[in-house]
N, C-alpha and C. Protein backbone atom coordinates (compact mmCIF):
# COMPACT_ATOMS: atom_id res chain seq x y z
N UNK A 1 3.40 37.91 32.62
CA UNK A 1 4.26 36.75 32.49
C UNK A 1 3.43 35.48 32.35
N UNK A 2 2.33 35.36 33.15
CA UNK A 2 1.48 34.18 33.07
C UNK A 2 0.80 34.11 31.71
N UNK A 3 0.40 35.26 31.16
CA UNK A 3 -0.24 35.28 29.84
C UNK A 3 0.74 34.83 28.76
N UNK A 4 1.98 35.27 28.87
CA UNK A 4 2.99 34.89 27.90
C UNK A 4 3.26 33.38 27.98
N UNK A 5 3.36 32.84 29.17
CA UNK A 5 3.58 31.41 29.34
C UNK A 5 2.40 30.61 28.79
N UNK A 6 1.19 31.07 29.05
CA UNK A 6 -0.01 30.39 28.54
C UNK A 6 -0.05 30.43 27.02
N UNK A 7 0.29 31.57 26.46
CA UNK A 7 0.31 31.72 25.01
C UNK A 7 1.36 30.80 24.38
N UNK A 8 2.53 30.71 24.99
CA UNK A 8 3.58 29.84 24.47
C UNK A 8 3.16 28.36 24.56
N UNK A 9 2.52 27.98 25.65
CA UNK A 9 2.06 26.61 25.82
C UNK A 9 1.00 26.28 24.78
N UNK A 10 0.05 27.17 24.57
CA UNK A 10 -0.99 26.95 23.57
C UNK A 10 -0.40 26.82 22.18
N UNK A 11 0.59 27.64 21.86
CA UNK A 11 1.25 27.58 20.56
C UNK A 11 1.95 26.23 20.37
N UNK A 12 2.62 25.76 21.40
CA UNK A 12 3.31 24.47 21.31
C UNK A 12 2.33 23.32 21.11
N UNK A 13 1.21 23.35 21.83
CA UNK A 13 0.20 22.30 21.70
C UNK A 13 -0.38 22.30 20.30
N UNK A 14 -0.74 23.46 19.78
CA UNK A 14 -1.31 23.54 18.44
C UNK A 14 -0.31 23.12 17.37
N UNK A 15 0.94 23.48 17.54
CA UNK A 15 1.98 23.08 16.60
C UNK A 15 2.14 21.57 16.61
N UNK A 16 2.12 20.97 17.77
CA UNK A 16 2.22 19.51 17.89
C UNK A 16 1.06 18.82 17.23
N UNK A 17 -0.15 19.35 17.40
CA UNK A 17 -1.33 18.75 16.77
C UNK A 17 -1.24 18.86 15.26
N UNK A 18 -0.80 19.99 14.75
CA UNK A 18 -0.70 20.18 13.31
C UNK A 18 0.32 19.22 12.71
N UNK A 19 1.44 19.01 13.39
CA UNK A 19 2.45 18.12 12.86
C UNK A 19 2.02 16.67 12.94
N UNK A 20 1.28 16.28 13.93
CA UNK A 20 0.89 14.88 14.07
C UNK A 20 -0.14 14.47 13.03
N UNK A 21 -0.87 15.43 12.44
CA UNK A 21 -1.85 15.08 11.43
C UNK A 21 -1.23 14.94 10.05
N UNK A 22 0.01 15.41 9.86
CA UNK A 22 0.69 15.26 8.59
C UNK A 22 0.99 13.79 8.34
N UNK A 23 0.83 13.35 7.08
CA UNK A 23 1.12 11.97 6.75
C UNK A 23 2.62 11.79 6.65
N UNK A 24 3.08 10.69 7.19
CA UNK A 24 4.50 10.37 7.13
C UNK A 24 4.85 9.84 5.74
N UNK A 25 6.02 10.18 5.27
CA UNK A 25 6.48 9.64 3.99
C UNK A 25 6.80 8.16 4.17
N UNK A 26 6.33 7.35 3.24
CA UNK A 26 6.62 5.92 3.26
C UNK A 26 7.95 5.73 2.54
N UNK A 27 8.84 4.94 3.14
CA UNK A 27 10.14 4.67 2.55
C UNK A 27 10.23 3.22 2.10
N UNK A 28 11.20 2.95 1.25
CA UNK A 28 11.44 1.57 0.81
C UNK A 28 11.71 0.66 2.00
N UNK A 29 12.42 1.17 3.00
CA UNK A 29 12.73 0.38 4.19
C UNK A 29 11.46 0.02 4.97
N UNK A 30 10.45 0.87 4.92
CA UNK A 30 9.18 0.57 5.60
C UNK A 30 8.49 -0.64 4.97
N UNK A 31 8.64 -0.80 3.66
CA UNK A 31 7.95 -1.87 2.93
C UNK A 31 8.80 -3.13 2.81
N UNK A 32 10.11 -2.96 2.75
CA UNK A 32 11.03 -4.06 2.50
C UNK A 32 10.86 -5.20 3.51
N UNK A 33 10.84 -6.43 2.99
CA UNK A 33 10.75 -7.66 3.78
C UNK A 33 9.39 -7.82 4.47
N UNK A 34 8.35 -7.26 3.89
CA UNK A 34 7.00 -7.43 4.44
C UNK A 34 6.07 -8.03 3.39
N UNK A 35 5.12 -8.78 3.89
CA UNK A 35 4.11 -9.44 3.06
C UNK A 35 2.75 -8.95 3.53
N UNK A 36 1.89 -8.56 2.57
CA UNK A 36 0.58 -8.01 2.87
C UNK A 36 -0.51 -8.83 2.18
N UNK A 37 -1.63 -9.00 2.86
CA UNK A 37 -2.78 -9.72 2.31
C UNK A 37 -3.89 -8.72 2.03
N UNK A 38 -4.51 -8.83 0.86
CA UNK A 38 -5.56 -7.91 0.45
C UNK A 38 -6.80 -8.10 1.31
N UNK A 39 -7.31 -7.01 1.86
CA UNK A 39 -8.48 -7.03 2.73
C UNK A 39 -9.72 -6.44 2.09
N UNK A 40 -9.54 -5.35 1.33
CA UNK A 40 -10.70 -4.71 0.71
C UNK A 40 -10.33 -4.04 -0.60
N UNK A 41 -11.33 -3.92 -1.46
CA UNK A 41 -11.19 -3.28 -2.76
C UNK A 41 -12.27 -2.22 -2.86
N UNK A 42 -11.85 -0.98 -3.04
CA UNK A 42 -12.78 0.14 -3.16
C UNK A 42 -13.78 0.20 -2.01
N UNK A 43 -13.29 -0.06 -0.81
CA UNK A 43 -14.10 0.03 0.40
C UNK A 43 -14.96 -1.19 0.70
N UNK A 44 -14.90 -2.21 -0.14
CA UNK A 44 -15.70 -3.42 0.08
C UNK A 44 -14.79 -4.56 0.48
N UNK A 45 -15.15 -5.30 1.54
CA UNK A 45 -14.31 -6.43 1.97
C UNK A 45 -14.23 -7.49 0.88
N UNK A 46 -13.10 -8.16 0.84
CA UNK A 46 -12.89 -9.23 -0.11
C UNK A 46 -13.63 -10.47 0.38
N UNK A 47 -14.55 -10.97 -0.41
CA UNK A 47 -15.33 -12.15 -0.01
C UNK A 47 -15.48 -13.10 -1.20
N UNK A 48 -15.76 -14.35 -0.89
CA UNK A 48 -16.08 -15.34 -1.91
C UNK A 48 -14.93 -15.82 -2.76
N UNK A 49 -13.71 -15.68 -2.27
CA UNK A 49 -12.56 -16.20 -3.03
C UNK A 49 -11.79 -17.17 -2.14
N UNK A 50 -11.15 -18.13 -2.78
CA UNK A 50 -10.42 -19.15 -2.02
C UNK A 50 -9.00 -18.73 -1.69
N UNK A 51 -8.34 -18.08 -2.62
CA UNK A 51 -6.95 -17.66 -2.42
C UNK A 51 -6.92 -16.16 -2.12
N UNK A 52 -6.33 -15.79 -1.00
CA UNK A 52 -6.25 -14.37 -0.63
C UNK A 52 -5.08 -13.74 -1.40
N UNK A 53 -5.36 -12.71 -2.19
CA UNK A 53 -4.29 -12.03 -2.92
C UNK A 53 -3.27 -11.42 -1.98
N UNK A 54 -2.02 -11.43 -2.41
CA UNK A 54 -0.95 -10.92 -1.56
C UNK A 54 0.02 -10.07 -2.36
N UNK A 55 0.78 -9.27 -1.61
CA UNK A 55 1.78 -8.37 -2.17
C UNK A 55 2.97 -8.38 -1.21
N UNK A 56 4.18 -8.60 -1.74
CA UNK A 56 5.38 -8.65 -0.90
C UNK A 56 6.47 -7.77 -1.49
N UNK A 57 7.34 -7.30 -0.61
CA UNK A 57 8.45 -6.44 -1.00
C UNK A 57 9.75 -7.05 -0.52
N UNK A 58 10.70 -7.20 -1.45
CA UNK A 58 12.01 -7.74 -1.11
C UNK A 58 13.07 -6.66 -1.18
N UNK A 59 14.31 -7.10 -1.30
CA UNK A 59 15.46 -6.19 -1.38
C UNK A 59 15.31 -5.23 -2.55
N UNK A 60 15.76 -4.02 -2.36
CA UNK A 60 15.82 -3.02 -3.43
C UNK A 60 14.49 -2.81 -4.15
N UNK A 61 13.40 -2.87 -3.41
CA UNK A 61 12.05 -2.64 -3.94
C UNK A 61 11.64 -3.66 -5.00
N UNK A 62 12.11 -4.90 -4.85
CA UNK A 62 11.61 -5.98 -5.70
C UNK A 62 10.22 -6.33 -5.18
N UNK A 63 9.23 -6.25 -6.03
CA UNK A 63 7.85 -6.51 -5.62
C UNK A 63 7.39 -7.82 -6.26
N UNK A 64 6.65 -8.60 -5.51
CA UNK A 64 6.10 -9.84 -6.04
C UNK A 64 4.85 -10.19 -5.26
N UNK A 65 4.05 -11.08 -5.86
CA UNK A 65 2.83 -11.48 -5.19
C UNK A 65 1.93 -12.27 -6.10
N UNK A 66 0.66 -12.34 -5.70
CA UNK A 66 -0.32 -13.11 -6.46
C UNK A 66 -1.71 -12.54 -6.25
N UNK A 67 -2.43 -12.48 -7.32
CA UNK A 67 -3.87 -12.22 -7.31
C UNK A 67 -4.43 -13.53 -7.86
N UNK A 68 -4.77 -13.54 -9.14
CA UNK A 68 -5.05 -14.80 -9.83
C UNK A 68 -3.71 -15.37 -10.28
N UNK A 69 -2.94 -14.53 -10.94
CA UNK A 69 -1.61 -14.89 -11.43
C UNK A 69 -0.53 -14.41 -10.48
N UNK A 70 0.62 -15.03 -10.56
CA UNK A 70 1.78 -14.57 -9.81
C UNK A 70 2.46 -13.48 -10.63
N UNK A 71 3.03 -12.50 -9.94
CA UNK A 71 3.71 -11.42 -10.63
C UNK A 71 4.96 -11.03 -9.87
N UNK A 72 5.88 -10.37 -10.59
CA UNK A 72 7.10 -9.87 -9.96
C UNK A 72 7.68 -8.77 -10.83
N UNK A 73 8.49 -7.94 -10.19
CA UNK A 73 9.14 -6.89 -10.95
C UNK A 73 9.85 -5.92 -10.02
N UNK A 74 10.39 -4.90 -10.62
CA UNK A 74 11.11 -3.87 -9.90
C UNK A 74 10.20 -2.66 -9.69
N UNK A 75 10.05 -2.25 -8.46
CA UNK A 75 9.21 -1.10 -8.14
C UNK A 75 10.08 0.09 -7.77
N UNK A 76 9.49 1.26 -7.84
CA UNK A 76 10.12 2.47 -7.36
C UNK A 76 9.14 3.15 -6.41
N UNK A 77 9.69 3.89 -5.48
CA UNK A 77 8.87 4.62 -4.51
C UNK A 77 9.42 6.03 -4.41
N UNK A 78 8.60 7.01 -4.79
CA UNK A 78 9.02 8.40 -4.73
C UNK A 78 7.79 9.25 -4.39
N UNK A 79 7.94 10.12 -3.41
CA UNK A 79 6.84 11.00 -2.99
C UNK A 79 5.57 10.21 -2.68
N UNK A 80 5.71 9.09 -1.97
CA UNK A 80 4.60 8.22 -1.59
C UNK A 80 3.84 7.67 -2.79
N UNK A 81 4.51 7.55 -3.92
CA UNK A 81 3.92 6.93 -5.10
C UNK A 81 4.71 5.68 -5.45
N UNK A 82 4.02 4.55 -5.47
CA UNK A 82 4.61 3.26 -5.80
C UNK A 82 4.34 2.96 -7.26
N UNK A 83 5.39 2.69 -8.02
CA UNK A 83 5.26 2.35 -9.43
C UNK A 83 6.05 1.09 -9.73
N UNK A 84 5.54 0.29 -10.65
CA UNK A 84 6.25 -0.90 -11.11
C UNK A 84 5.81 -1.16 -12.54
N UNK A 85 6.58 -0.63 -13.46
CA UNK A 85 6.25 -0.79 -14.88
C UNK A 85 6.83 -2.10 -15.39
N UNK A 86 6.10 -2.76 -16.28
CA UNK A 86 6.60 -3.97 -16.90
C UNK A 86 6.70 -5.16 -15.98
N UNK A 87 5.71 -5.36 -15.14
CA UNK A 87 5.71 -6.53 -14.25
C UNK A 87 5.69 -7.81 -15.07
N UNK A 88 6.49 -8.79 -14.64
CA UNK A 88 6.40 -10.12 -15.21
C UNK A 88 5.24 -10.85 -14.54
N UNK A 89 4.43 -11.55 -15.35
CA UNK A 89 3.24 -12.16 -14.78
C UNK A 89 2.91 -13.46 -15.51
N UNK A 90 2.50 -14.46 -14.74
CA UNK A 90 1.97 -15.66 -15.38
C UNK A 90 0.67 -15.27 -16.05
N UNK A 91 0.24 -16.04 -17.02
CA UNK A 91 -0.95 -15.67 -17.79
C UNK A 91 -2.02 -16.76 -17.75
N UNK A 92 -2.42 -17.15 -16.56
CA UNK A 92 -3.47 -18.16 -16.42
C UNK A 92 -4.81 -17.46 -16.32
N UNK A 93 -5.84 -18.16 -16.71
CA UNK A 93 -7.20 -17.67 -16.52
C UNK A 93 -7.75 -18.35 -15.27
N UNK A 94 -8.18 -17.58 -14.30
CA UNK A 94 -8.67 -18.15 -13.05
C UNK A 94 -10.15 -18.46 -13.11
N UNK A 95 -10.53 -19.43 -12.31
CA UNK A 95 -11.93 -19.80 -12.18
C UNK A 95 -12.71 -18.66 -11.52
N UNK A 96 -12.03 -17.92 -10.64
CA UNK A 96 -12.67 -16.84 -9.90
C UNK A 96 -12.52 -15.52 -10.66
N UNK A 97 -13.60 -15.02 -11.28
CA UNK A 97 -13.52 -13.81 -12.09
C UNK A 97 -13.02 -12.59 -11.31
N UNK A 98 -13.31 -12.54 -10.02
CA UNK A 98 -12.87 -11.40 -9.22
C UNK A 98 -11.34 -11.32 -9.19
N UNK A 99 -10.67 -12.47 -9.13
CA UNK A 99 -9.21 -12.47 -9.13
C UNK A 99 -8.65 -12.03 -10.47
N UNK A 100 -9.31 -12.41 -11.57
CA UNK A 100 -8.89 -11.93 -12.89
C UNK A 100 -8.97 -10.41 -12.95
N UNK A 101 -10.04 -9.85 -12.45
CA UNK A 101 -10.21 -8.39 -12.44
C UNK A 101 -9.14 -7.73 -11.58
N UNK A 102 -8.84 -8.34 -10.44
CA UNK A 102 -7.82 -7.78 -9.55
C UNK A 102 -6.43 -7.80 -10.19
N UNK A 103 -6.14 -8.83 -10.99
CA UNK A 103 -4.88 -8.87 -11.72
C UNK A 103 -4.71 -7.60 -12.57
N UNK A 104 -5.73 -7.32 -13.35
CA UNK A 104 -5.67 -6.16 -14.24
C UNK A 104 -5.65 -4.86 -13.46
N UNK A 105 -6.44 -4.80 -12.39
CA UNK A 105 -6.52 -3.58 -11.58
C UNK A 105 -5.16 -3.26 -10.96
N UNK A 106 -4.53 -4.24 -10.31
CA UNK A 106 -3.25 -3.98 -9.66
C UNK A 106 -2.18 -3.64 -10.69
N UNK A 107 -2.16 -4.34 -11.79
CA UNK A 107 -1.18 -4.05 -12.84
C UNK A 107 -1.35 -2.61 -13.34
N UNK A 108 -2.58 -2.18 -13.60
CA UNK A 108 -2.84 -0.81 -14.04
C UNK A 108 -2.43 0.21 -12.98
N UNK A 109 -2.74 -0.10 -11.71
CA UNK A 109 -2.40 0.82 -10.63
C UNK A 109 -0.89 1.00 -10.50
N UNK A 110 -0.16 -0.10 -10.56
CA UNK A 110 1.29 -0.01 -10.40
C UNK A 110 1.97 0.57 -11.64
N UNK A 111 1.41 0.35 -12.81
CA UNK A 111 1.96 0.92 -14.03
C UNK A 111 1.82 2.43 -14.03
N UNK A 112 0.65 2.93 -13.61
CA UNK A 112 0.43 4.38 -13.62
C UNK A 112 0.94 5.05 -12.34
N UNK A 113 1.15 4.27 -11.29
CA UNK A 113 1.63 4.81 -10.01
C UNK A 113 0.48 4.96 -9.02
N UNK A 114 0.63 4.36 -7.87
CA UNK A 114 -0.40 4.40 -6.82
C UNK A 114 0.14 5.11 -5.59
N UNK A 115 -0.70 5.94 -4.99
CA UNK A 115 -0.33 6.59 -3.74
C UNK A 115 -0.29 5.53 -2.65
N UNK A 116 0.71 5.59 -1.79
CA UNK A 116 0.91 4.60 -0.73
C UNK A 116 0.73 5.25 0.63
N UNK A 117 -0.05 4.58 1.48
CA UNK A 117 -0.17 4.98 2.87
C UNK A 117 0.12 3.75 3.71
N UNK A 118 0.82 3.95 4.80
CA UNK A 118 1.18 2.84 5.69
C UNK A 118 0.90 3.27 7.11
N UNK A 119 -0.01 2.56 7.77
CA UNK A 119 -0.36 2.90 9.15
C UNK A 119 -0.88 1.67 9.87
N UNK A 120 -0.37 1.45 11.07
CA UNK A 120 -0.85 0.38 11.95
C UNK A 120 -1.04 -0.94 11.22
N UNK A 121 0.02 -1.42 10.63
CA UNK A 121 0.05 -2.72 9.95
C UNK A 121 -0.95 -2.80 8.79
N UNK A 122 -1.22 -1.66 8.17
CA UNK A 122 -2.13 -1.61 7.03
C UNK A 122 -1.48 -0.81 5.90
N UNK A 123 -1.47 -1.39 4.72
CA UNK A 123 -0.93 -0.76 3.54
C UNK A 123 -2.09 -0.42 2.61
N UNK A 124 -2.16 0.82 2.17
CA UNK A 124 -3.21 1.25 1.27
C UNK A 124 -2.58 1.76 -0.02
N UNK A 125 -3.08 1.26 -1.15
CA UNK A 125 -2.69 1.73 -2.47
C UNK A 125 -3.89 2.42 -3.09
N UNK A 126 -3.71 3.66 -3.56
CA UNK A 126 -4.82 4.45 -4.09
C UNK A 126 -4.47 5.07 -5.43
N UNK A 127 -5.45 5.07 -6.32
CA UNK A 127 -5.40 5.87 -7.52
C UNK A 127 -6.71 6.65 -7.56
N UNK A 128 -6.91 7.43 -8.59
CA UNK A 128 -8.17 8.18 -8.69
C UNK A 128 -9.36 7.24 -8.90
N UNK A 129 -9.09 6.03 -9.35
CA UNK A 129 -10.18 5.08 -9.64
C UNK A 129 -10.38 3.99 -8.59
N UNK A 130 -9.29 3.56 -7.94
CA UNK A 130 -9.40 2.40 -7.05
C UNK A 130 -8.59 2.57 -5.77
N UNK A 131 -9.01 1.83 -4.74
CA UNK A 131 -8.30 1.77 -3.47
C UNK A 131 -8.20 0.32 -3.03
N UNK A 132 -6.98 -0.13 -2.79
CA UNK A 132 -6.74 -1.49 -2.29
C UNK A 132 -6.15 -1.36 -0.89
N UNK A 133 -6.73 -2.09 0.07
CA UNK A 133 -6.25 -2.05 1.44
C UNK A 133 -5.74 -3.44 1.81
N UNK A 134 -4.49 -3.48 2.23
CA UNK A 134 -3.82 -4.72 2.62
C UNK A 134 -3.52 -4.71 4.11
N UNK A 135 -3.46 -5.90 4.70
CA UNK A 135 -3.09 -6.07 6.10
C UNK A 135 -1.74 -6.77 6.16
N UNK A 136 -0.87 -6.32 7.04
CA UNK A 136 0.43 -6.94 7.21
C UNK A 136 0.25 -8.40 7.61
N UNK A 137 0.90 -9.29 6.88
CA UNK A 137 0.79 -10.72 7.18
C UNK A 137 2.00 -11.17 7.99
N UNK A 138 3.19 -10.90 7.51
CA UNK A 138 4.40 -11.31 8.21
C UNK A 138 5.62 -10.73 7.52
N UNK A 139 6.76 -11.07 8.05
CA UNK A 139 8.03 -10.67 7.46
C UNK A 139 8.47 -11.75 6.49
N UNK A 140 9.11 -11.34 5.40
CA UNK A 140 9.64 -12.29 4.44
C UNK A 140 11.14 -12.08 4.35
N UNK A 141 11.85 -13.08 3.85
CA UNK A 141 13.31 -12.99 3.73
C UNK A 141 13.73 -12.21 2.53
């Protein structure tokens, strides 16, 4: 009887550990009404820029923000993939070349679809080529 109880306890513990390592699905409600500030690009901290790029989510997965240019559009979220085809964007040339590059990078990532991870006030967007890590800034209306 003691062996059976020990075996059952061990099984429950292992099952709990296996389930806790699974990534949670990100939902539109998880992102909605939040504003994120870009912290790193491809594992390197963002440095030497005056304006911190941001990304915000409004009602019904309306996405907007700014890198060099301001952008907005309708996003979709399915199977932890965030997509936003046809973003509207201002077309200014920035003094900071890094922001110009980030404009193109984010647009390409959202057009092709980026994997989304959300953990401890951190939003990560990943493709096979790039990883952008954002920190939760605040709630938006």
